[in-house]
Amino acid sequence: MDILWGDIQPIPEGQIRTANHNDTLALGNQTFIAHHTPGHAVHHIAWQLGNTLFTGDVAGIKIHNGLVSPPCPPPEFQREDWLASIRYMRSLNVEELVLTHFGSVTSISGHFDELETALEHWVHFIESSSGTENQDDLTTEFMNFIHNDFYPPDMAKPLQEQYDLANPPWMSVAGIRRYLKKKIEQTWK
């Protein structure tokens, strides 16, 4: 995290406010609405300002005009919750998504379609590779899958590297594996 964001400092406790689902937050003459959107993380919130939704990572990563990539880090990635959050965000009928990584999206339906497809493919790949016990080996297999089957064949190498930095494949492998393991453990209870 230090490489990406530097030394992270705590926020003074008096400046922190808990936002419940559909709470509003007035800043000057603007009012934001909190939308709980778990899946990428259980604590995730997207914020709506008029017809714009500031999505955080629940709407994926999109660099320039590239593809939509789902960040699936541990420990809280939950496929079903994420798909429910996508359905919920679709129902908001906003005109613009503002992604944390990186920028604005106005073709919302297509963006969410691409995110759902990628999410399903990624989970299926890790689930199908469950025989690969070694995390490093699975990460290598997943990176090969990402580079050969997920990234378009004409995607420039520098753009691939940007995606790999913004959404490190090993994090998604670890997050999806943990999710699948927890799902199996819950089934056996």
N, C-alpha and C. Protein backbone atom coordinates (compact mmCIF):
# COMPACT_ATOMS: atom_id res chain seq x y z
N MET A 1 0.81 -1.19 0.00
CA MET A 1 0.00 0.00 0.00
C MET A 1 0.86 1.27 0.00
N ASP A 2 2.02 1.20 0.68
CA ASP A 2 2.88 2.37 0.74
C ASP A 2 3.33 2.82 -0.64
N ILE A 3 3.60 1.86 -1.53
CA ILE A 3 4.06 2.20 -2.87
C ILE A 3 2.98 2.97 -3.62
N LEU A 4 1.72 2.54 -3.47
CA LEU A 4 0.63 3.19 -4.18
C LEU A 4 0.20 4.51 -3.55
N TRP A 5 0.09 4.57 -2.20
CA TRP A 5 -0.52 5.71 -1.55
C TRP A 5 0.36 6.40 -0.52
N GLY A 6 1.55 5.90 -0.28
CA GLY A 6 2.41 6.53 0.72
C GLY A 6 2.01 6.13 2.13
N ASP A 7 2.52 6.85 3.10
CA ASP A 7 2.25 6.58 4.50
C ASP A 7 0.82 6.98 4.83
N ILE A 8 0.01 6.04 5.24
CA ILE A 8 -1.40 6.30 5.54
C ILE A 8 -1.53 6.74 6.99
N GLN A 9 -2.13 7.90 7.19
CA GLN A 9 -2.31 8.47 8.51
C GLN A 9 -3.75 8.28 8.97
N PRO A 10 -3.98 8.09 10.27
CA PRO A 10 -5.35 7.94 10.76
C PRO A 10 -6.12 9.27 10.69
N ILE A 11 -7.42 9.15 10.51
CA ILE A 11 -8.30 10.32 10.54
C ILE A 11 -8.73 10.53 11.99
N PRO A 12 -8.68 11.76 12.48
CA PRO A 12 -9.13 11.99 13.85
C PRO A 12 -10.57 11.49 14.05
N GLU A 13 -10.80 10.80 15.15
CA GLU A 13 -12.09 10.15 15.42
C GLU A 13 -13.26 11.14 15.36
N GLY A 14 -13.06 12.35 15.76
CA GLY A 14 -14.12 13.35 15.74
C GLY A 14 -14.57 13.75 14.35
N GLN A 15 -13.78 13.39 13.32
CA GLN A 15 -14.12 13.72 11.94
C GLN A 15 -14.78 12.55 11.22
N ILE A 16 -15.04 11.45 11.92
CA ILE A 16 -15.61 10.26 11.30
C ILE A 16 -17.10 10.18 11.64
N ARG A 17 -17.89 9.90 10.64
CA ARG A 17 -19.33 9.73 10.83
C ARG A 17 -19.76 8.45 10.13
N THR A 18 -20.55 7.63 10.79
CA THR A 18 -21.08 6.41 10.19
C THR A 18 -22.22 6.78 9.26
N ALA A 19 -22.21 6.21 8.07
CA ALA A 19 -23.28 6.48 7.10
C ALA A 19 -24.08 5.21 6.89
N ASN A 20 -25.35 5.26 7.25
CA ASN A 20 -26.25 4.15 7.00
C ASN A 20 -26.77 4.22 5.57
N HIS A 21 -27.32 3.12 5.10
CA HIS A 21 -27.88 3.06 3.75
C HIS A 21 -28.95 4.14 3.59
N ASN A 22 -28.84 4.91 2.51
CA ASN A 22 -29.75 6.00 2.16
C ASN A 22 -29.65 7.23 3.06
N ASP A 23 -28.65 7.28 3.96
CA ASP A 23 -28.40 8.51 4.70
C ASP A 23 -27.99 9.60 3.71
N THR A 24 -28.24 10.83 4.10
CA THR A 24 -27.79 11.95 3.28
C THR A 24 -26.71 12.71 4.03
N LEU A 25 -25.85 13.34 3.26
CA LEU A 25 -24.76 14.13 3.79
C LEU A 25 -24.73 15.45 3.02
N ALA A 26 -24.99 16.54 3.70
CA ALA A 26 -24.99 17.86 3.06
C ALA A 26 -23.60 18.47 3.19
N LEU A 27 -23.06 18.87 2.06
CA LEU A 27 -21.78 19.59 2.02
C LEU A 27 -22.04 20.87 1.24
N GLY A 28 -22.07 21.97 1.93
CA GLY A 28 -22.44 23.22 1.27
C GLY A 28 -23.87 23.12 0.77
N ASN A 29 -24.07 23.41 -0.51
CA ASN A 29 -25.41 23.31 -1.08
C ASN A 29 -25.61 21.99 -1.85
N GLN A 30 -24.73 21.02 -1.64
CA GLN A 30 -24.82 19.71 -2.30
C GLN A 30 -25.25 18.65 -1.29
N THR A 31 -26.10 17.72 -1.71
CA THR A 31 -26.53 16.64 -0.84
C THR A 31 -26.17 15.30 -1.48
N PHE A 32 -25.40 14.53 -0.76
CA PHE A 32 -24.98 13.20 -1.21
C PHE A 32 -25.85 12.15 -0.52
N ILE A 33 -26.15 11.07 -1.23
CA ILE A 33 -26.90 9.95 -0.67
C ILE A 33 -25.96 8.76 -0.58
N ALA A 34 -25.92 8.12 0.57
CA ALA A 34 -25.08 6.93 0.79
C ALA A 34 -25.84 5.68 0.33
N HIS A 35 -25.19 4.89 -0.49
CA HIS A 35 -25.76 3.61 -0.94
C HIS A 35 -24.80 2.50 -0.53
N HIS A 36 -25.23 1.65 0.38
CA HIS A 36 -24.39 0.52 0.77
C HIS A 36 -24.34 -0.45 -0.41
N THR A 37 -23.13 -0.74 -0.85
CA THR A 37 -22.91 -1.57 -2.04
C THR A 37 -21.80 -2.60 -1.75
N PRO A 38 -22.09 -3.58 -0.91
CA PRO A 38 -21.06 -4.58 -0.58
C PRO A 38 -20.76 -5.48 -1.78
N GLY A 39 -19.70 -6.22 -1.65
CA GLY A 39 -19.28 -7.18 -2.67
C GLY A 39 -17.78 -7.09 -2.87
N HIS A 40 -17.33 -5.92 -3.28
CA HIS A 40 -15.88 -5.69 -3.32
C HIS A 40 -15.36 -5.74 -1.88
N ALA A 41 -16.12 -5.16 -0.97
CA ALA A 41 -15.84 -5.19 0.47
C ALA A 41 -17.17 -5.02 1.19
N VAL A 42 -17.28 -5.59 2.39
CA VAL A 42 -18.56 -5.53 3.10
C VAL A 42 -18.93 -4.12 3.54
N HIS A 43 -17.95 -3.25 3.71
CA HIS A 43 -18.21 -1.90 4.20
C HIS A 43 -18.38 -0.88 3.07
N HIS A 44 -18.44 -1.33 1.84
CA HIS A 44 -18.39 -0.43 0.70
C HIS A 44 -19.64 0.44 0.58
N ILE A 45 -19.42 1.71 0.26
CA ILE A 45 -20.51 2.67 0.05
C ILE A 45 -20.25 3.42 -1.25
N ALA A 46 -21.29 3.53 -2.09
CA ALA A 46 -21.25 4.42 -3.25
C ALA A 46 -22.05 5.66 -2.88
N TRP A 47 -21.62 6.80 -3.39
CA TRP A 47 -22.26 8.07 -3.03
C TRP A 47 -22.90 8.69 -4.26
N GLN A 48 -24.17 9.05 -4.15
CA GLN A 48 -24.90 9.66 -5.25
C GLN A 48 -25.03 11.16 -5.03
N LEU A 49 -24.74 11.91 -6.07
CA LEU A 49 -24.93 13.36 -6.08
C LEU A 49 -25.75 13.66 -7.34
N GLY A 50 -27.02 13.91 -7.18
CA GLY A 50 -27.89 14.13 -8.34
C GLY A 50 -27.92 12.89 -9.22
N ASN A 51 -27.55 13.06 -10.48
CA ASN A 51 -27.55 11.94 -11.43
C ASN A 51 -26.18 11.29 -11.58
N THR A 52 -25.28 11.57 -10.63
CA THR A 52 -23.93 11.02 -10.67
C THR A 52 -23.72 10.10 -9.48
N LEU A 53 -23.10 8.95 -9.73
CA LEU A 53 -22.80 7.99 -8.67
C LEU A 53 -21.29 7.82 -8.58
N PHE A 54 -20.73 8.18 -7.43
CA PHE A 54 -19.31 7.97 -7.15
C PHE A 54 -19.21 6.55 -6.59
N THR A 55 -18.66 5.65 -7.38
CA THR A 55 -18.83 4.22 -7.14
C THR A 55 -17.79 3.56 -6.26
N GLY A 56 -16.65 4.17 -6.07
CA GLY A 56 -15.59 3.41 -5.41
C GLY A 56 -15.24 2.22 -6.29
N ASP A 57 -14.75 1.15 -5.69
CA ASP A 57 -14.28 -0.01 -6.46
C ASP A 57 -15.38 -0.98 -6.85
N VAL A 58 -16.61 -0.80 -6.35
CA VAL A 58 -17.68 -1.75 -6.66
C VAL A 58 -18.08 -1.70 -8.14
N ALA A 59 -17.75 -0.63 -8.85
CA ALA A 59 -18.03 -0.56 -10.29
C ALA A 59 -16.80 -0.93 -11.11
N GLY A 60 -15.78 -1.47 -10.47
CA GLY A 60 -14.61 -1.96 -11.19
C GLY A 60 -13.61 -0.87 -11.53
N ILE A 61 -12.62 -1.32 -12.27
CA ILE A 61 -11.52 -0.46 -12.72
C ILE A 61 -11.60 -0.37 -14.23
N LYS A 62 -11.44 0.83 -14.76
CA LYS A 62 -11.43 1.05 -16.21
C LYS A 62 -10.38 2.12 -16.47
N ILE A 63 -9.36 1.77 -17.20
CA ILE A 63 -8.29 2.70 -17.51
C ILE A 63 -8.44 3.16 -18.95
N HIS A 64 -8.51 4.47 -19.14
CA HIS A 64 -8.72 5.08 -20.45
C HIS A 64 -9.98 4.46 -21.08
N ASN A 65 -9.87 3.95 -22.29
CA ASN A 65 -11.02 3.31 -22.94
C ASN A 65 -10.88 1.79 -22.88
N GLY A 66 -10.16 1.30 -21.88
CA GLY A 66 -9.91 -0.14 -21.76
C GLY A 66 -11.11 -0.89 -21.23
N LEU A 67 -10.85 -2.11 -20.85
CA LEU A 67 -11.90 -2.99 -20.35
C LEU A 67 -12.20 -2.71 -18.89
N VAL A 68 -13.26 -3.35 -18.39
CA VAL A 68 -13.65 -3.21 -16.99
C VAL A 68 -13.10 -4.41 -16.24
N SER A 69 -12.37 -4.14 -15.17
CA SER A 69 -11.69 -5.16 -14.39
C SER A 69 -12.21 -5.14 -12.95
N PRO A 70 -12.64 -6.30 -12.42
CA PRO A 70 -13.17 -6.32 -11.05
C PRO A 70 -12.08 -6.56 -10.00
N PRO A 71 -11.83 -5.61 -9.10
CA PRO A 71 -10.87 -5.86 -8.03
C PRO A 71 -11.50 -6.74 -6.95
N CYS A 72 -10.92 -7.90 -6.73
CA CYS A 72 -11.50 -8.90 -5.81
C CYS A 72 -10.56 -9.22 -4.66
N PRO A 73 -10.11 -8.23 -3.91
CA PRO A 73 -9.11 -8.50 -2.87
C PRO A 73 -9.69 -9.17 -1.63
N PRO A 74 -8.82 -9.86 -0.87
CA PRO A 74 -9.26 -10.36 0.42
C PRO A 74 -9.36 -9.19 1.39
N PRO A 75 -9.99 -9.32 2.51
CA PRO A 75 -10.62 -10.54 3.00
C PRO A 75 -12.12 -10.59 2.75
N GLU A 76 -12.71 -9.56 2.13
CA GLU A 76 -14.16 -9.46 2.17
C GLU A 76 -14.87 -9.61 0.84
N PHE A 77 -14.18 -9.98 -0.22
CA PHE A 77 -14.85 -10.17 -1.51
C PHE A 77 -15.99 -11.18 -1.37
N GLN A 78 -17.17 -10.81 -1.89
CA GLN A 78 -18.35 -11.68 -1.87
C GLN A 78 -19.07 -11.55 -3.21
N ARG A 79 -19.00 -12.59 -4.03
CA ARG A 79 -19.58 -12.57 -5.38
C ARG A 79 -21.06 -12.22 -5.37
N GLU A 80 -21.86 -12.92 -4.58
CA GLU A 80 -23.31 -12.71 -4.59
C GLU A 80 -23.68 -11.29 -4.17
N ASP A 81 -23.01 -10.78 -3.14
CA ASP A 81 -23.27 -9.41 -2.70
C ASP A 81 -22.91 -8.41 -3.79
N TRP A 82 -21.80 -8.68 -4.48
CA TRP A 82 -21.36 -7.76 -5.53
C TRP A 82 -22.38 -7.72 -6.66
N LEU A 83 -22.86 -8.88 -7.08
CA LEU A 83 -23.86 -8.92 -8.15
C LEU A 83 -25.14 -8.22 -7.71
N ALA A 84 -25.53 -8.38 -6.45
CA ALA A 84 -26.72 -7.68 -5.93
C ALA A 84 -26.47 -6.16 -5.93
N SER A 85 -25.26 -5.74 -5.60
CA SER A 85 -24.94 -4.31 -5.61
C SER A 85 -24.98 -3.75 -7.01
N ILE A 86 -24.53 -4.53 -7.99
CA ILE A 86 -24.61 -4.07 -9.39
C ILE A 86 -26.08 -3.90 -9.79
N ARG A 87 -26.91 -4.88 -9.44
CA ARG A 87 -28.35 -4.75 -9.74
C ARG A 87 -28.93 -3.50 -9.07
N TYR A 88 -28.53 -3.29 -7.82
CA TYR A 88 -29.03 -2.12 -7.10
C TYR A 88 -28.57 -0.83 -7.79
N MET A 89 -27.29 -0.73 -8.15
CA MET A 89 -26.80 0.49 -8.78
C MET A 89 -27.48 0.72 -10.12
N ARG A 90 -27.78 -0.36 -10.85
CA ARG A 90 -28.53 -0.21 -12.11
C ARG A 90 -29.89 0.44 -11.83
N SER A 91 -30.53 0.08 -10.73
CA SER A 91 -31.87 0.58 -10.41
C SER A 91 -31.88 2.07 -10.06
N LEU A 92 -30.73 2.64 -9.77
CA LEU A 92 -30.67 4.05 -9.41
C LEU A 92 -30.90 4.98 -10.60
N ASN A 93 -30.75 4.46 -11.80
CA ASN A 93 -30.98 5.23 -13.03
C ASN A 93 -30.17 6.53 -13.06
N VAL A 94 -28.92 6.44 -12.65
CA VAL A 94 -28.04 7.61 -12.74
C VAL A 94 -27.53 7.74 -14.17
N GLU A 95 -26.99 8.89 -14.49
CA GLU A 95 -26.50 9.16 -15.84
C GLU A 95 -24.99 9.04 -15.97
N GLU A 96 -24.32 8.99 -14.82
CA GLU A 96 -22.85 8.96 -14.85
C GLU A 96 -22.34 8.18 -13.65
N LEU A 97 -21.33 7.35 -13.91
CA LEU A 97 -20.57 6.69 -12.85
C LEU A 97 -19.22 7.36 -12.79
N VAL A 98 -18.76 7.67 -11.60
CA VAL A 98 -17.40 8.18 -11.44
C VAL A 98 -16.63 7.11 -10.69
N LEU A 99 -15.70 6.50 -11.39
CA LEU A 99 -14.92 5.39 -10.85
C LEU A 99 -13.71 5.93 -10.08
N THR A 100 -13.38 5.26 -9.00
CA THR A 100 -12.16 5.62 -8.29
C THR A 100 -10.96 5.40 -9.21
N HIS A 101 -11.01 4.33 -9.96
CA HIS A 101 -9.94 3.97 -10.90
C HIS A 101 -10.57 3.74 -12.27
N PHE A 102 -10.66 4.59 -13.16
CA PHE A 102 -10.21 5.98 -13.20
C PHE A 102 -11.16 6.75 -14.09
N GLY A 103 -11.95 7.62 -13.57
CA GLY A 103 -12.71 8.54 -14.39
C GLY A 103 -14.20 8.26 -14.49
N SER A 104 -14.79 8.87 -15.50
CA SER A 104 -16.23 8.92 -15.67
C SER A 104 -16.71 7.93 -16.73
N VAL A 105 -17.89 7.34 -16.48
CA VAL A 105 -18.52 6.41 -17.42
C VAL A 105 -19.96 6.86 -17.63
N THR A 106 -20.38 6.96 -18.89
CA THR A 106 -21.77 7.31 -19.17
C THR A 106 -22.52 6.17 -19.87
N SER A 107 -21.83 5.18 -20.39
CA SER A 107 -22.50 4.00 -20.97
C SER A 107 -22.64 2.96 -19.84
N ILE A 108 -23.55 3.26 -18.95
CA ILE A 108 -23.66 2.56 -17.67
C ILE A 108 -24.06 1.10 -17.82
N SER A 109 -25.08 0.83 -18.61
CA SER A 109 -25.54 -0.55 -18.77
C SER A 109 -24.43 -1.43 -19.33
N GLY A 110 -23.77 -0.97 -20.37
CA GLY A 110 -22.67 -1.73 -20.96
C GLY A 110 -21.52 -1.94 -20.00
N HIS A 111 -21.25 -0.90 -19.19
CA HIS A 111 -20.18 -1.00 -18.20
C HIS A 111 -20.50 -2.09 -17.18
N PHE A 112 -21.73 -2.08 -16.66
CA PHE A 112 -22.12 -3.09 -15.68
C PHE A 112 -22.19 -4.49 -16.31
N ASP A 113 -22.63 -4.57 -17.56
CA ASP A 113 -22.63 -5.87 -18.25
C ASP A 113 -21.21 -6.44 -18.31
N GLU A 114 -20.27 -5.59 -18.68
CA GLU A 114 -18.87 -6.01 -18.79
C GLU A 114 -18.31 -6.41 -17.42
N LEU A 115 -18.65 -5.65 -16.38
CA LEU A 115 -18.18 -5.96 -15.04
C LEU A 115 -18.72 -7.31 -14.57
N GLU A 116 -20.02 -7.55 -14.75
CA GLU A 116 -20.62 -8.82 -14.34
C GLU A 116 -19.97 -10.00 -15.07
N THR A 117 -19.76 -9.86 -16.37
CA THR A 117 -19.14 -10.93 -17.15
C THR A 117 -17.74 -11.21 -16.66
N ALA A 118 -16.95 -10.16 -16.46
CA ALA A 118 -15.58 -10.35 -15.97
C ALA A 118 -15.57 -11.00 -14.60
N LEU A 119 -16.43 -10.54 -13.72
CA LEU A 119 -16.50 -11.09 -12.37
C LEU A 119 -16.81 -12.59 -12.42
N GLU A 120 -17.78 -12.97 -13.22
CA GLU A 120 -18.15 -14.38 -13.34
C GLU A 120 -17.01 -15.21 -13.93
N HIS A 121 -16.34 -14.67 -14.95
CA HIS A 121 -15.22 -15.41 -15.56
C HIS A 121 -14.08 -15.59 -14.56
N TRP A 122 -13.79 -14.57 -13.80
CA TRP A 122 -12.69 -14.65 -12.84
C TRP A 122 -12.98 -15.68 -11.75
N VAL A 123 -14.18 -15.63 -11.19
CA VAL A 123 -14.54 -16.60 -10.15
C VAL A 123 -14.53 -18.01 -10.72
N HIS A 124 -15.08 -18.18 -11.92
CA HIS A 124 -15.10 -19.51 -12.55
C HIS A 124 -13.68 -20.02 -12.78
N PHE A 125 -12.78 -19.15 -13.22
CA PHE A 125 -11.41 -19.58 -13.47
C PHE A 125 -10.76 -20.09 -12.18
N ILE A 126 -10.88 -19.33 -11.10
CA ILE A 126 -10.27 -19.74 -9.83
C ILE A 126 -10.95 -21.00 -9.31
N GLU A 127 -12.25 -21.09 -9.42
CA GLU A 127 -13.00 -22.27 -8.98
C GLU A 127 -12.58 -23.50 -9.77
N SER A 128 -12.38 -23.35 -11.08
CA SER A 128 -11.96 -24.46 -11.94
C SER A 128 -10.53 -24.89 -11.68
N SER A 129 -9.75 -23.98 -11.09
CA SER A 129 -8.34 -24.26 -10.82
C SER A 129 -8.14 -24.69 -9.37
N SER A 130 -9.19 -25.17 -8.73
CA SER A 130 -9.11 -25.49 -7.31
C SER A 130 -8.09 -26.59 -6.99
N GLY A 131 -7.67 -27.34 -8.00
CA GLY A 131 -6.64 -28.36 -7.78
C GLY A 131 -5.26 -27.77 -7.60
N THR A 132 -5.08 -26.51 -7.96
CA THR A 132 -3.80 -25.84 -7.80
C THR A 132 -3.73 -25.29 -6.39
N GLU A 133 -3.01 -25.99 -5.53
CA GLU A 133 -2.95 -25.60 -4.11
C GLU A 133 -1.99 -24.45 -3.85
N ASN A 134 -0.91 -24.39 -4.59
CA ASN A 134 0.12 -23.38 -4.34
C ASN A 134 -0.36 -22.02 -4.84
N GLN A 135 -0.38 -21.03 -3.94
CA GLN A 135 -0.86 -19.68 -4.27
C GLN A 135 -0.05 -19.07 -5.41
N ASP A 136 1.27 -19.24 -5.39
CA ASP A 136 2.10 -18.66 -6.45
C ASP A 136 1.81 -19.29 -7.80
N ASP A 137 1.62 -20.62 -7.82
CA ASP A 137 1.30 -21.30 -9.08
C ASP A 137 -0.04 -20.84 -9.63
N LEU A 138 -1.03 -20.72 -8.74
CA LEU A 138 -2.35 -20.27 -9.18
C LEU A 138 -2.30 -18.83 -9.66
N THR A 139 -1.53 -18.00 -8.99
CA THR A 139 -1.39 -16.61 -9.42
C THR A 139 -0.77 -16.55 -10.82
N THR A 140 0.23 -17.37 -11.07
CA THR A 140 0.84 -17.43 -12.41
C THR A 140 -0.18 -17.88 -13.44
N GLU A 141 -0.97 -18.92 -13.13
CA GLU A 141 -2.01 -19.39 -14.04
C GLU A 141 -3.04 -18.29 -14.30
N PHE A 142 -3.43 -17.60 -13.24
CA PHE A 142 -4.43 -16.54 -13.36
C PHE A 142 -3.88 -15.39 -14.21
N MET A 143 -2.61 -15.01 -13.99
CA MET A 143 -2.01 -13.95 -14.79
C MET A 143 -1.96 -14.34 -16.26
N ASN A 144 -1.65 -15.61 -16.53
CA ASN A 144 -1.66 -16.07 -17.92
C ASN A 144 -3.08 -15.97 -18.50
N PHE A 145 -4.08 -16.36 -17.71
CA PHE A 145 -5.47 -16.24 -18.13
C PHE A 145 -5.82 -14.78 -18.42
N ILE A 146 -5.47 -13.90 -17.49
CA ILE A 146 -5.77 -12.47 -17.67
C ILE A 146 -5.11 -11.94 -18.94
N HIS A 147 -3.84 -12.23 -19.11
CA HIS A 147 -3.09 -11.67 -20.23
C HIS A 147 -3.46 -12.31 -21.56
N ASN A 148 -3.82 -13.59 -21.56
CA ASN A 148 -4.10 -14.28 -22.82
C ASN A 148 -5.58 -14.35 -23.18
N ASP A 149 -6.45 -14.39 -22.18
CA ASP A 149 -7.89 -14.59 -22.46
C ASP A 149 -8.77 -13.42 -22.04
N PHE A 150 -8.32 -12.59 -21.13
CA PHE A 150 -9.14 -11.49 -20.66
C PHE A 150 -8.78 -10.19 -21.36
N TYR A 151 -7.50 -9.84 -21.35
CA TYR A 151 -7.07 -8.63 -22.05
C TYR A 151 -7.24 -8.85 -23.55
N PRO A 152 -7.73 -7.84 -24.26
CA PRO A 152 -7.85 -7.98 -25.71
C PRO A 152 -6.47 -8.19 -26.35
N PRO A 153 -6.41 -8.95 -27.45
CA PRO A 153 -5.11 -9.25 -28.08
C PRO A 153 -4.34 -7.99 -28.50
N ASP A 154 -5.05 -6.91 -28.81
CA ASP A 154 -4.37 -5.70 -29.26
C ASP A 154 -4.09 -4.71 -28.12
N MET A 155 -4.30 -5.14 -26.86
CA MET A 155 -4.04 -4.25 -25.74
C MET A 155 -2.54 -4.02 -25.60
N ALA A 156 -2.15 -2.76 -25.57
CA ALA A 156 -0.73 -2.40 -25.47
C ALA A 156 -0.16 -2.87 -24.13
N LYS A 157 1.09 -3.29 -24.16
CA LYS A 157 1.78 -3.78 -22.97
C LYS A 157 1.76 -2.75 -21.83
N PRO A 158 2.03 -1.45 -22.11
CA PRO A 158 1.98 -0.48 -21.00
C PRO A 158 0.60 -0.41 -20.33
N LEU A 159 -0.48 -0.56 -21.10
CA LEU A 159 -1.82 -0.54 -20.51
C LEU A 159 -2.05 -1.79 -19.67
N GLN A 160 -1.57 -2.94 -20.14
CA GLN A 160 -1.65 -4.17 -19.34
C GLN A 160 -0.94 -3.97 -18.00
N GLU A 161 0.23 -3.36 -18.04
CA GLU A 161 0.98 -3.13 -16.81
C GLU A 161 0.24 -2.18 -15.87
N GLN A 162 -0.44 -1.19 -16.43
CA GLN A 162 -1.23 -0.28 -15.59
C GLN A 162 -2.37 -1.03 -14.90
N TYR A 163 -3.05 -1.91 -15.64
CA TYR A 163 -4.11 -2.72 -15.04
C TYR A 163 -3.55 -3.62 -13.94
N ASP A 164 -2.39 -4.23 -14.20
CA ASP A 164 -1.78 -5.11 -13.20
C ASP A 164 -1.39 -4.36 -11.93
N LEU A 165 -1.02 -3.09 -12.06
CA LEU A 165 -0.69 -2.28 -10.89
C LEU A 165 -1.96 -1.81 -10.17
N ALA A 166 -2.96 -1.39 -10.93
CA ALA A 166 -4.20 -0.89 -10.34
C ALA A 166 -5.01 -2.01 -9.69
N ASN A 167 -4.91 -3.21 -10.25
CA ASN A 167 -5.67 -4.36 -9.76
C ASN A 167 -4.75 -5.58 -9.76
N PRO A 168 -3.82 -5.67 -8.80
CA PRO A 168 -2.84 -6.75 -8.80
C PRO A 168 -3.51 -8.13 -8.85
N PRO A 169 -3.18 -8.94 -9.86
CA PRO A 169 -3.82 -10.26 -9.98
C PRO A 169 -3.71 -11.12 -8.73
N TRP A 170 -2.58 -11.05 -8.01
CA TRP A 170 -2.44 -11.89 -6.81
C TRP A 170 -3.48 -11.54 -5.77
N MET A 171 -3.90 -10.26 -5.71
CA MET A 171 -4.94 -9.87 -4.74
C MET A 171 -6.27 -10.52 -5.09
N SER A 172 -6.59 -10.52 -6.38
CA SER A 172 -7.86 -11.15 -6.78
C SER A 172 -7.82 -12.65 -6.58
N VAL A 173 -6.68 -13.28 -6.83
CA VAL A 173 -6.55 -14.72 -6.58
C VAL A 173 -6.79 -14.99 -5.09
N ALA A 174 -6.12 -14.23 -4.23
CA ALA A 174 -6.27 -14.44 -2.79
C ALA A 174 -7.70 -14.17 -2.33
N GLY A 175 -8.32 -13.11 -2.85
CA GLY A 175 -9.68 -12.77 -2.46
C GLY A 175 -10.70 -13.81 -2.91
N ILE A 176 -10.59 -14.25 -4.15
CA ILE A 176 -11.55 -15.23 -4.68
C ILE A 176 -11.34 -16.58 -4.01
N ARG A 177 -10.10 -16.98 -3.80
CA ARG A 177 -9.85 -18.25 -3.10
C ARG A 177 -10.44 -18.24 -1.70
N ARG A 178 -10.25 -17.15 -0.99
CA ARG A 178 -10.79 -17.05 0.37
C ARG A 178 -12.31 -17.12 0.34
N TYR A 179 -12.93 -16.41 -0.61
CA TYR A 179 -14.39 -16.44 -0.76
C TYR A 179 -14.87 -17.87 -1.02
N LEU A 180 -14.22 -18.58 -1.95
CA LEU A 180 -14.63 -19.95 -2.29
C LEU A 180 -14.45 -20.88 -1.09
N LYS A 181 -13.36 -20.71 -0.35
CA LYS A 181 -13.12 -21.54 0.83
C LYS A 181 -14.20 -21.31 1.89
N LYS A 182 -14.53 -20.05 2.14
CA LYS A 182 -15.57 -19.73 3.11
C LYS A 182 -16.93 -20.28 2.66
N LYS A 183 -17.18 -20.22 1.37
CA LYS A 183 -18.45 -20.73 0.84
C LYS A 183 -18.56 -22.24 1.06
N ILE A 184 -17.47 -22.96 0.83
CA ILE A 184 -17.45 -24.41 1.06
C ILE A 184 -17.63 -24.71 2.54
N GLU A 185 -16.92 -23.97 3.40
CA GLU A 185 -17.04 -24.18 4.85
C GLU A 185 -18.47 -23.94 5.33
N GLN A 186 -19.15 -22.94 4.80
CA GLN A 186 -20.52 -22.65 5.20
C GLN A 186 -21.47 -23.75 4.73
N THR A 187 -21.17 -24.33 3.57
CA THR A 187 -22.00 -25.41 3.03
C THR A 187 -21.92 -26.64 3.91
N TRP A 188 -20.75 -26.91 4.50
CA TRP A 188 -20.54 -28.10 5.32
C TRP A 188 -21.13 -27.95 6.71
N LYS A 189 -21.47 -26.75 7.14
CA LYS A 189 -21.99 -26.55 8.49
C LYS A 189 -23.43 -26.95 8.60
